[in-house]
Amino acid sequence: MRAAALEDLDWMADAHDVLSKVAAEGKPFTAYSLVEAGLREPPVSSMWGKLFKDASERKLIQYRRHIRSPRPGRRGGACAVWKAAA
């Protein structure tokens, strides 16, 4: 268990803000697009899934397809592409 002082308690709120801004650009995007837009990495990598699931359930974004990840270090692993919901 990590000490609360070491946790990034604001990441999810910041991530929703950046996701909204990136989606509003109208272009397809990935999680790495949010990092390129200035979002820091989450304290736990599984938080990416929660972010995109929440935004999808709120009808802010919708799934488009999977591609090879553009993220350095992923070596072409699968990556979801999203777009703003119509």
PDB file of N, CA and C in Angstrom:
ATOM      1  N   MET A   1       0.852  -1.183   0.000  1.00  0.00           N
ATOM      2  CA  MET A   1       0.000   0.000   0.000  1.00  0.00           C
ATOM      3  C   MET A   1       0.891   1.237   0.000  1.00  0.00           C
ATOM      4  N   ARG A   2       0.552   2.186  -0.878  1.00  0.00           N
ATOM      5  CA  ARG A   2       1.335   3.415  -0.959  1.00  0.00           C
ATOM      6  C   ARG A   2       0.751   4.473  -0.035  1.00  0.00           C
ATOM      7  N   ALA A   3       1.616   5.344   0.421  1.00  0.00           N
ATOM      8  CA  ALA A   3       1.163   6.458   1.242  1.00  0.00           C
ATOM      9  C   ALA A   3       0.336   7.406   0.384  1.00  0.00           C
ATOM     10  N   ALA A   4      -0.703   7.970   0.950  1.00  0.00           N
ATOM     11  CA  ALA A   4      -1.590   8.872   0.218  1.00  0.00           C
ATOM     12  C   ALA A   4      -0.843  10.063  -0.368  1.00  0.00           C
ATOM     13  N   ALA A   5       0.199  10.525   0.309  1.00  0.00           N
ATOM     14  CA  ALA A   5       0.956  11.679  -0.166  1.00  0.00           C
ATOM     15  C   ALA A   5       1.654  11.391  -1.494  1.00  0.00           C
ATOM     16  N   LEU A   6       1.907  10.111  -1.795  1.00  0.00           N
ATOM     17  CA  LEU A   6       2.591   9.746  -3.023  1.00  0.00           C
ATOM     18  C   LEU A   6       1.627   9.507  -4.178  1.00  0.00           C
ATOM     19  N   GLU A   7       0.336   9.442  -3.899  1.00  0.00           N
ATOM     20  CA  GLU A   7      -0.640   9.182  -4.941  1.00  0.00           C
ATOM     21  C   GLU A   7      -1.012  10.465  -5.674  1.00  0.00           C
ATOM     22  N   ASP A   8      -1.305  10.312  -6.948  1.00  0.00           N
ATOM     23  CA  ASP A   8      -1.707  11.436  -7.774  1.00  0.00           C
ATOM     24  C   ASP A   8      -3.235  11.477  -7.766  1.00  0.00           C
ATOM     25  N   LEU A   9      -3.808  12.126  -6.783  1.00  0.00           N
ATOM     26  CA  LEU A   9      -5.257  12.125  -6.592  1.00  0.00           C
ATOM     27  C   LEU A   9      -5.997  12.968  -7.625  1.00  0.00           C
ATOM     28  N   ASP A  10      -5.290  13.812  -8.342  1.00  0.00           N
ATOM     29  CA  ASP A  10      -5.926  14.683  -9.325  1.00  0.00           C
ATOM     30  C   ASP A  10      -5.853  14.142 -10.751  1.00  0.00           C
ATOM     31  N   TRP A  11      -5.184  12.995 -10.953  1.00  0.00           N
ATOM     32  CA  TRP A  11      -4.959  12.515 -12.309  1.00  0.00           C
ATOM     33  C   TRP A  11      -6.262  12.320 -13.081  1.00  0.00           C
ATOM     34  N   MET A  12      -7.250  11.675 -12.502  1.00  0.00           N
ATOM     35  CA  MET A  12      -8.480  11.361 -13.239  1.00  0.00           C
ATOM     36  C   MET A  12      -9.203  12.639 -13.670  1.00  0.00           C
ATOM     37  N   ALA A  13      -9.295  13.620 -12.807  1.00  0.00           N
ATOM     38  CA  ALA A  13      -9.944  14.889 -13.173  1.00  0.00           C
ATOM     39  C   ALA A  13      -9.158  15.589 -14.280  1.00  0.00           C
ATOM     40  N   ASP A  14      -7.840  15.608 -14.152  1.00  0.00           N
ATOM     41  CA  ASP A  14      -7.001  16.216 -15.187  1.00  0.00           C
ATOM     42  C   ASP A  14      -7.136  15.455 -16.502  1.00  0.00           C
ATOM     43  N   ALA A  15      -7.200  14.130 -16.423  1.00  0.00           N
ATOM     44  CA  ALA A  15      -7.318  13.299 -17.619  1.00  0.00           C
ATOM     45  C   ALA A  15      -8.638  13.560 -18.338  1.00  0.00           C
ATOM     46  N   HIS A  16      -9.731  13.703 -17.590  1.00  0.00           N
ATOM     47  CA  HIS A  16     -11.025  14.003 -18.212  1.00  0.00           C
ATOM     48  C   HIS A  16     -10.971  15.362 -18.921  1.00  0.00           C
ATOM     49  N   ASP A  17     -10.306  16.323 -18.321  1.00  0.00           N
ATOM     50  CA  ASP A  17     -10.175  17.652 -18.943  1.00  0.00           C
ATOM     51  C   ASP A  17      -9.405  17.563 -20.260  1.00  0.00           C
ATOM     52  N   VAL A  18      -8.264  16.886 -20.248  1.00  0.00           N
ATOM     53  CA  VAL A  18      -7.451  16.765 -21.454  1.00  0.00           C
ATOM     54  C   VAL A  18      -8.185  15.949 -22.507  1.00  0.00           C
ATOM     55  N   LEU A  19      -8.837  14.867 -22.103  1.00  0.00           N
ATOM     56  CA  LEU A  19      -9.597  14.044 -23.047  1.00  0.00           C
ATOM     57  C   LEU A  19     -10.673  14.885 -23.723  1.00  0.00           C
ATOM     58  N   SER A  20     -11.386  15.695 -22.973  1.00  0.00           N
ATOM     59  CA  SER A  20     -12.435  16.542 -23.546  1.00  0.00           C
ATOM     60  C   SER A  20     -11.871  17.505 -24.573  1.00  0.00           C
ATOM     61  N   LYS A  21     -10.713  18.098 -24.262  1.00  0.00           N
ATOM     62  CA  LYS A  21     -10.083  19.047 -25.189  1.00  0.00           C
ATOM     63  C   LYS A  21      -9.609  18.355 -26.458  1.00  0.00           C
ATOM     64  N   VAL A  22      -8.992  17.193 -26.311  1.00  0.00           N
ATOM     65  CA  VAL A  22      -8.491  16.459 -27.475  1.00  0.00           C
ATOM     66  C   VAL A  22      -9.664  15.975 -28.325  1.00  0.00           C
ATOM     67  N   ALA A  23     -10.707  15.459 -27.704  1.00  0.00           N
ATOM     68  CA  ALA A  23     -11.881  14.986 -28.449  1.00  0.00           C
ATOM     69  C   ALA A  23     -12.536  16.138 -29.210  1.00  0.00           C
ATOM     70  N   ALA A  24     -12.560  17.312 -28.614  1.00  0.00           N
ATOM     71  CA  ALA A  24     -13.194  18.474 -29.244  1.00  0.00           C
ATOM     72  C   ALA A  24     -12.486  18.906 -30.535  1.00  0.00           C
ATOM     73  N   GLU A  25     -11.256  18.469 -30.728  1.00  0.00           N
ATOM     74  CA  GLU A  25     -10.535  18.794 -31.955  1.00  0.00           C
ATOM     75  C   GLU A  25     -11.139  18.064 -33.151  1.00  0.00           C
ATOM     76  N   GLY A  26     -11.934  17.018 -32.883  1.00  0.00           N
ATOM     77  CA  GLY A  26     -12.634  16.309 -33.946  1.00  0.00           C
ATOM     78  C   GLY A  26     -11.841  15.254 -34.689  1.00  0.00           C
ATOM     79  N   LYS A  27     -10.603  15.019 -34.283  1.00  0.00           N
ATOM     80  CA  LYS A  27      -9.759  14.020 -34.946  1.00  0.00           C
ATOM     81  C   LYS A  27      -9.734  12.736 -34.098  1.00  0.00           C
ATOM     82  N   PRO A  28      -9.530  11.586 -34.726  1.00  0.00           N
ATOM     83  CA  PRO A  28      -9.361  10.347 -33.965  1.00  0.00           C
ATOM     84  C   PRO A  28      -8.149  10.475 -33.036  1.00  0.00           C
ATOM     85  N   PHE A  29      -8.208   9.812 -31.887  1.00  0.00           N
ATOM     86  CA  PHE A  29      -7.114   9.924 -30.920  1.00  0.00           C
ATOM     87  C   PHE A  29      -6.967   8.640 -30.108  1.00  0.00           C
ATOM     88  N   THR A  30      -5.826   8.514 -29.474  1.00  0.00           N
ATOM     89  CA  THR A  30      -5.507   7.382 -28.605  1.00  0.00           C
ATOM     90  C   THR A  30      -5.138   7.912 -27.221  1.00  0.00           C
ATOM     91  N   ALA A  31      -4.876   7.015 -26.318  1.00  0.00           N
ATOM     92  CA  ALA A  31      -4.416   7.435 -24.989  1.00  0.00           C
ATOM     93  C   ALA A  31      -3.101   8.203 -25.103  1.00  0.00           C
ATOM     94  N   TYR A  32      -2.253   7.777 -26.015  1.00  0.00           N
ATOM     95  CA  TYR A  32      -0.980   8.472 -26.182  1.00  0.00           C
ATOM     96  C   TYR A  32      -1.184   9.899 -26.690  1.00  0.00           C
ATOM     97  N   SER A  33      -2.249  10.141 -27.425  1.00  0.00           N
ATOM     98  CA  SER A  33      -2.572  11.503 -27.868  1.00  0.00           C
ATOM     99  C   SER A  33      -2.757  12.419 -26.664  1.00  0.00           C
ATOM    100  N   LEU A  34      -3.316  11.875 -25.580  1.00  0.00           N
ATOM    101  CA  LEU A  34      -3.516  12.687 -24.374  1.00  0.00           C
ATOM    102  C   LEU A  34      -2.181  13.028 -23.727  1.00  0.00           C
ATOM    103  N   VAL A  35      -1.250  12.080 -23.746  1.00  0.00           N
ATOM    104  CA  VAL A  35       0.097  12.338 -23.224  1.00  0.00           C
ATOM    105  C   VAL A  35       0.777  13.403 -24.076  1.00  0.00           C
ATOM    106  N   GLU A  36       0.638  13.287 -25.394  1.00  0.00           N
ATOM    107  CA  GLU A  36       1.231  14.283 -26.287  1.00  0.00           C
ATOM    108  C   GLU A  36       0.610  15.662 -26.074  1.00  0.00           C
ATOM    109  N   ALA A  37      -0.634  15.697 -25.578  1.00  0.00           N
ATOM    110  CA  ALA A  37      -1.315  16.969 -25.292  1.00  0.00           C
ATOM    111  C   ALA A  37      -0.976  17.507 -23.903  1.00  0.00           C
ATOM    112  N   GLY A  38      -0.095  16.815 -23.186  1.00  0.00           N
ATOM    113  CA  GLY A  38       0.373  17.333 -21.907  1.00  0.00           C
ATOM    114  C   GLY A  38      -0.061  16.566 -20.674  1.00  0.00           C
ATOM    115  N   LEU A  39      -0.873  15.540 -20.820  1.00  0.00           N
ATOM    116  CA  LEU A  39      -1.304  14.766 -19.650  1.00  0.00           C
ATOM    117  C   LEU A  39      -0.164  13.872 -19.172  1.00  0.00           C
ATOM    118  N   ARG A  40       0.081  13.878 -17.886  1.00  0.00           N
ATOM    119  CA  ARG A  40       1.105  13.001 -17.315  1.00  0.00           C
ATOM    120  C   ARG A  40       0.590  11.558 -17.284  1.00  0.00           C
ATOM    121  N   GLU A  41       1.489  10.621 -17.179  1.00  0.00           N
ATOM    122  CA  GLU A  41       1.104   9.215 -17.075  1.00  0.00           C
ATOM    123  C   GLU A  41       0.348   8.994 -15.765  1.00  0.00           C
ATOM    124  N   PRO A  42      -0.617   8.074 -15.739  1.00  0.00           N
ATOM    125  CA  PRO A  42      -1.363   7.821 -14.505  1.00  0.00           C
ATOM    126  C   PRO A  42      -0.502   7.098 -13.481  1.00  0.00           C
ATOM    127  N   PRO A  43      -0.860   7.206 -12.216  1.00  0.00           N
ATOM    128  CA  PRO A  43      -0.102   6.509 -11.181  1.00  0.00           C
ATOM    129  C   PRO A  43      -0.194   4.992 -11.333  1.00  0.00           C
ATOM    130  N   VAL A  44      -1.287   4.511 -11.904  1.00  0.00           N
ATOM    131  CA  VAL A  44      -1.496   3.084 -12.150  1.00  0.00           C
ATOM    132  C   VAL A  44      -2.000   2.960 -13.588  1.00  0.00           C
ATOM    133  N   SER A  45      -1.358   2.130 -14.394  1.00  0.00           N
ATOM    134  CA  SER A  45      -1.687   2.074 -15.822  1.00  0.00           C
ATOM    135  C   SER A  45      -3.133   1.669 -16.105  1.00  0.00           C
ATOM    136  N   SER A  46      -3.765   0.939 -15.197  1.00  0.00           N
ATOM    137  CA  SER A  46      -5.159   0.526 -15.420  1.00  0.00           C
ATOM    138  C   SER A  46      -6.135   1.704 -15.376  1.00  0.00           C
ATOM    139  N   MET A  47      -5.664   2.861 -14.933  1.00  0.00           N
ATOM    140  CA  MET A  47      -6.525   4.039 -14.892  1.00  0.00           C
ATOM    141  C   MET A  47      -6.899   4.511 -16.295  1.00  0.00           C
ATOM    142  N   TRP A  48      -6.074   4.165 -17.302  1.00  0.00           N
ATOM    143  CA  TRP A  48      -6.428   4.512 -18.679  1.00  0.00           C
ATOM    144  C   TRP A  48      -7.763   3.874 -19.048  1.00  0.00           C
ATOM    145  N   GLY A  49      -7.924   2.602 -18.706  1.00  0.00           N
ATOM    146  CA  GLY A  49      -9.164   1.896 -19.029  1.00  0.00           C
ATOM    147  C   GLY A  49     -10.370   2.546 -18.391  1.00  0.00           C
ATOM    148  N   LYS A  50     -10.248   2.921 -17.128  1.00  0.00           N
ATOM    149  CA  LYS A  50     -11.364   3.574 -16.436  1.00  0.00           C
ATOM    150  C   LYS A  50     -11.699   4.914 -17.079  1.00  0.00           C
ATOM    151  N   LEU A  51     -10.677   5.666 -17.446  1.00  0.00           N
ATOM    152  CA  LEU A  51     -10.899   6.965 -18.090  1.00  0.00           C
ATOM    153  C   LEU A  51     -11.728   6.805 -19.363  1.00  0.00           C
ATOM    154  N   PHE A  52     -11.294   5.912 -20.244  1.00  0.00           N
ATOM    155  CA  PHE A  52     -11.990   5.740 -21.512  1.00  0.00           C
ATOM    156  C   PHE A  52     -13.343   5.079 -21.343  1.00  0.00           C
ATOM    157  N   LYS A  53     -13.477   4.169 -20.401  1.00  0.00           N
ATOM    158  CA  LYS A  53     -14.782   3.550 -20.137  1.00  0.00           C
ATOM    159  C   LYS A  53     -15.772   4.605 -19.639  1.00  0.00           C
ATOM    160  N   ASP A  54     -15.353   5.425 -18.696  1.00  0.00           N
ATOM    161  CA  ASP A  54     -16.228   6.487 -18.166  1.00  0.00           C
ATOM    162  C   ASP A  54     -16.661   7.449 -19.276  1.00  0.00           C
ATOM    163  N   ALA A  55     -15.709   7.896 -20.083  1.00  0.00           N
ATOM    164  CA  ALA A  55     -16.026   8.854 -21.153  1.00  0.00           C
ATOM    165  C   ALA A  55     -16.950   8.227 -22.195  1.00  0.00           C
ATOM    166  N   SER A  56     -16.747   6.949 -22.476  1.00  0.00           N
ATOM    167  CA  SER A  56     -17.603   6.247 -23.428  1.00  0.00           C
ATOM    168  C   SER A  56     -19.022   6.078 -22.878  1.00  0.00           C
ATOM    169  N   GLU A  57     -19.134   5.683 -21.628  1.00  0.00           N
ATOM    170  CA  GLU A  57     -20.451   5.512 -20.999  1.00  0.00           C
ATOM    171  C   GLU A  57     -21.200   6.827 -20.892  1.00  0.00           C
ATOM    172  N   ARG A  58     -20.474   7.931 -20.751  1.00  0.00           N
ATOM    173  CA  ARG A  58     -21.097   9.261 -20.685  1.00  0.00           C
ATOM    174  C   ARG A  58     -21.387   9.806 -22.083  1.00  0.00           C
ATOM    175  N   LYS A  59     -21.109   8.983 -23.107  1.00  0.00           N
ATOM    176  CA  LYS A  59     -21.379   9.328 -24.510  1.00  0.00           C
ATOM    177  C   LYS A  59     -20.573  10.543 -24.988  1.00  0.00           C
ATOM    178  N   LEU A  60     -19.384  10.735 -24.387  1.00  0.00           N
ATOM    179  CA  LEU A  60     -18.493  11.812 -24.821  1.00  0.00           C
ATOM    180  C   LEU A  60     -17.633  11.365 -25.996  1.00  0.00           C
ATOM    181  N   ILE A  61     -17.287  10.069 -26.000  1.00  0.00           N
ATOM    182  CA  ILE A  61     -16.446   9.509 -27.053  1.00  0.00           C
ATOM    183  C   ILE A  61     -17.034   8.181 -27.503  1.00  0.00           C
ATOM    184  N   GLN A  62     -16.560   7.730 -28.662  1.00  0.00           N
ATOM    185  CA  GLN A  62     -16.958   6.401 -29.122  1.00  0.00           C
ATOM    186  C   GLN A  62     -15.752   5.716 -29.768  1.00  0.00           C
ATOM    187  N   TYR A  63     -15.736   4.407 -29.627  1.00  0.00           N
ATOM    188  CA  TYR A  63     -14.658   3.574 -30.153  1.00  0.00           C
ATOM    189  C   TYR A  63     -14.701   3.585 -31.679  1.00  0.00           C
ATOM    190  N   ARG A  64     -13.534   3.618 -32.308  1.00  0.00           N
ATOM    191  CA  ARG A  64     -13.456   3.535 -33.772  1.00  0.00           C
ATOM    192  C   ARG A  64     -12.845   2.226 -34.220  1.00  0.00           C
ATOM    193  N   ARG A  65     -11.631   1.935 -33.739  1.00  0.00           N
ATOM    194  CA  ARG A  65     -10.936   0.727 -34.163  1.00  0.00           C
ATOM    195  C   ARG A  65      -9.688   0.542 -33.308  1.00  0.00           C
ATOM    196  N   HIS A  66      -8.934  -0.521 -33.594  1.00  0.00           N
ATOM    197  CA  HIS A  66      -7.633  -0.723 -32.966  1.00  0.00           C
ATOM    198  C   HIS A  66      -6.540  -0.538 -34.012  1.00  0.00           C
ATOM    199  N   ILE A  67      -5.410  -0.016 -33.570  1.00  0.00           N
ATOM    200  CA  ILE A  67      -4.230   0.162 -34.411  1.00  0.00           C
ATOM    201  C   ILE A  67      -3.017  -0.307 -33.626  1.00  0.00           C
ATOM    202  N   ARG A  68      -1.870  -0.309 -34.278  1.00  0.00           N
ATOM    203  CA  ARG A  68      -0.611  -0.538 -33.555  1.00  0.00           C
ATOM    204  C   ARG A  68      -0.311   0.726 -32.757  1.00  0.00           C
ATOM    205  N   SER A  69       0.067   0.556 -31.523  1.00  0.00           N
ATOM    206  CA  SER A  69       0.294   1.698 -30.644  1.00  0.00           C
ATOM    207  C   SER A  69       1.416   2.602 -31.142  1.00  0.00           C
ATOM    208  N   PRO A  70       1.162   3.929 -31.150  1.00  0.00           N
ATOM    209  CA  PRO A  70       2.219   4.876 -31.504  1.00  0.00           C
ATOM    210  C   PRO A  70       3.128   5.203 -30.314  1.00  0.00           C
ATOM    211  N   ARG A  71       2.787   4.688 -29.140  1.00  0.00           N
ATOM    212  CA  ARG A  71       3.536   5.004 -27.917  1.00  0.00           C
ATOM    213  C   ARG A  71       4.910   4.338 -27.948  1.00  0.00           C
ATOM    214  N   PRO A  72       5.964   5.138 -27.786  1.00  0.00           N
ATOM    215  CA  PRO A  72       7.296   4.533 -27.703  1.00  0.00           C
ATOM    216  C   PRO A  72       7.346   3.508 -26.557  1.00  0.00           C
ATOM    217  N   GLY A  73       7.981   2.417 -26.800  1.00  0.00           N
ATOM    218  CA  GLY A  73       8.095   1.396 -25.770  1.00  0.00           C
ATOM    219  C   GLY A  73       7.024   0.324 -25.835  1.00  0.00           C
ATOM    220  N   ARG A  74       5.944   0.555 -26.575  1.00  0.00           N
ATOM    221  CA  ARG A  74       4.881  -0.455 -26.689  1.00  0.00           C
ATOM    222  C   ARG A  74       5.168  -1.459 -27.791  1.00  0.00           C
ATOM    223  N   ARG A  75       6.123  -1.172 -28.625  1.00  0.00           N
ATOM    224  CA  ARG A  75       6.545  -2.073 -29.702  1.00  0.00           C
ATOM    225  C   ARG A  75       5.387  -2.539 -30.568  1.00  0.00           C
ATOM    226  N   GLY A  76       4.476  -1.630 -30.872  1.00  0.00           N
ATOM    227  CA  GLY A  76       3.394  -1.953 -31.792  1.00  0.00           C
ATOM    228  C   GLY A  76       2.251  -2.746 -31.199  1.00  0.00           C
ATOM    229  N   GLY A  77       2.109  -2.776 -29.890  1.00  0.00           N
ATOM    230  CA  GLY A  77       0.973  -3.463 -29.268  1.00  0.00           C
ATOM    231  C   GLY A  77      -0.343  -2.814 -29.669  1.00  0.00           C
ATOM    232  N   ALA A  78      -1.433  -3.524 -29.439  1.00  0.00           N
ATOM    233  CA  ALA A  78      -2.763  -3.017 -29.814  1.00  0.00           C
ATOM    234  C   ALA A  78      -3.122  -1.767 -29.011  1.00  0.00           C
ATOM    235  N   CYS A  79      -3.802  -0.855 -29.685  1.00  0.00           N
ATOM    236  CA  CYS A  79      -4.176   0.426 -29.077  1.00  0.00           C
ATOM    237  C   CYS A  79      -5.529   0.851 -29.641  1.00  0.00           C
ATOM    238  N   ALA A  80      -6.451   1.229 -28.775  1.00  0.00           N
ATOM    239  CA  ALA A  80      -7.766   1.689 -29.216  1.00  0.00           C
ATOM    240  C   ALA A  80      -7.714   3.110 -29.746  1.00  0.00           C
ATOM    241  N   VAL A  81      -8.472   3.346 -30.798  1.00  0.00           N
ATOM    242  CA  VAL A  81      -8.624   4.690 -31.371  1.00  0.00           C
ATOM    243  C   VAL A  81     -10.044   5.139 -31.063  1.00  0.00           C
ATOM    244  N   TRP A  82     -10.185   6.380 -30.613  1.00  0.00           N
ATOM    245  CA  TRP A  82     -11.456   6.944 -30.203  1.00  0.00           C
ATOM    246  C   TRP A  82     -11.750   8.195 -31.008  1.00  0.00           C
ATOM    247  N   LYS A  83     -12.987   8.638 -30.974  1.00  0.00           N
ATOM    248  CA  LYS A  83     -13.353   9.925 -31.561  1.00  0.00           C
ATOM    249  C   LYS A  83     -14.464  10.516 -30.701  1.00  0.00           C
ATOM    250  N   ALA A  84     -14.672  11.807 -30.850  1.00  0.00           N
ATOM    251  CA  ALA A  84     -15.761  12.453 -30.129  1.00  0.00           C
ATOM    252  C   ALA A  84     -17.078  11.845 -30.584  1.00  0.00           C
ATOM    253  N   ALA A  85     -18.004  11.656 -29.662  1.00  0.00           N
ATOM    254  CA  ALA A  85     -19.317  11.114 -30.014  1.00  0.00           C
ATOM    255  C   ALA A  85     -20.079  12.140 -30.835  1.00  0.00           C
ATOM    256  N   ALA A  86     -20.887  11.624 -31.734  1.00  0.00           N
ATOM    257  CA  ALA A  86     -21.670  12.516 -32.618  1.00  0.00           C
ATOM    258  C   ALA A  86     -22.746  13.234 -31.841  1.00  0.00           C
TER     259      ALA A  86
END
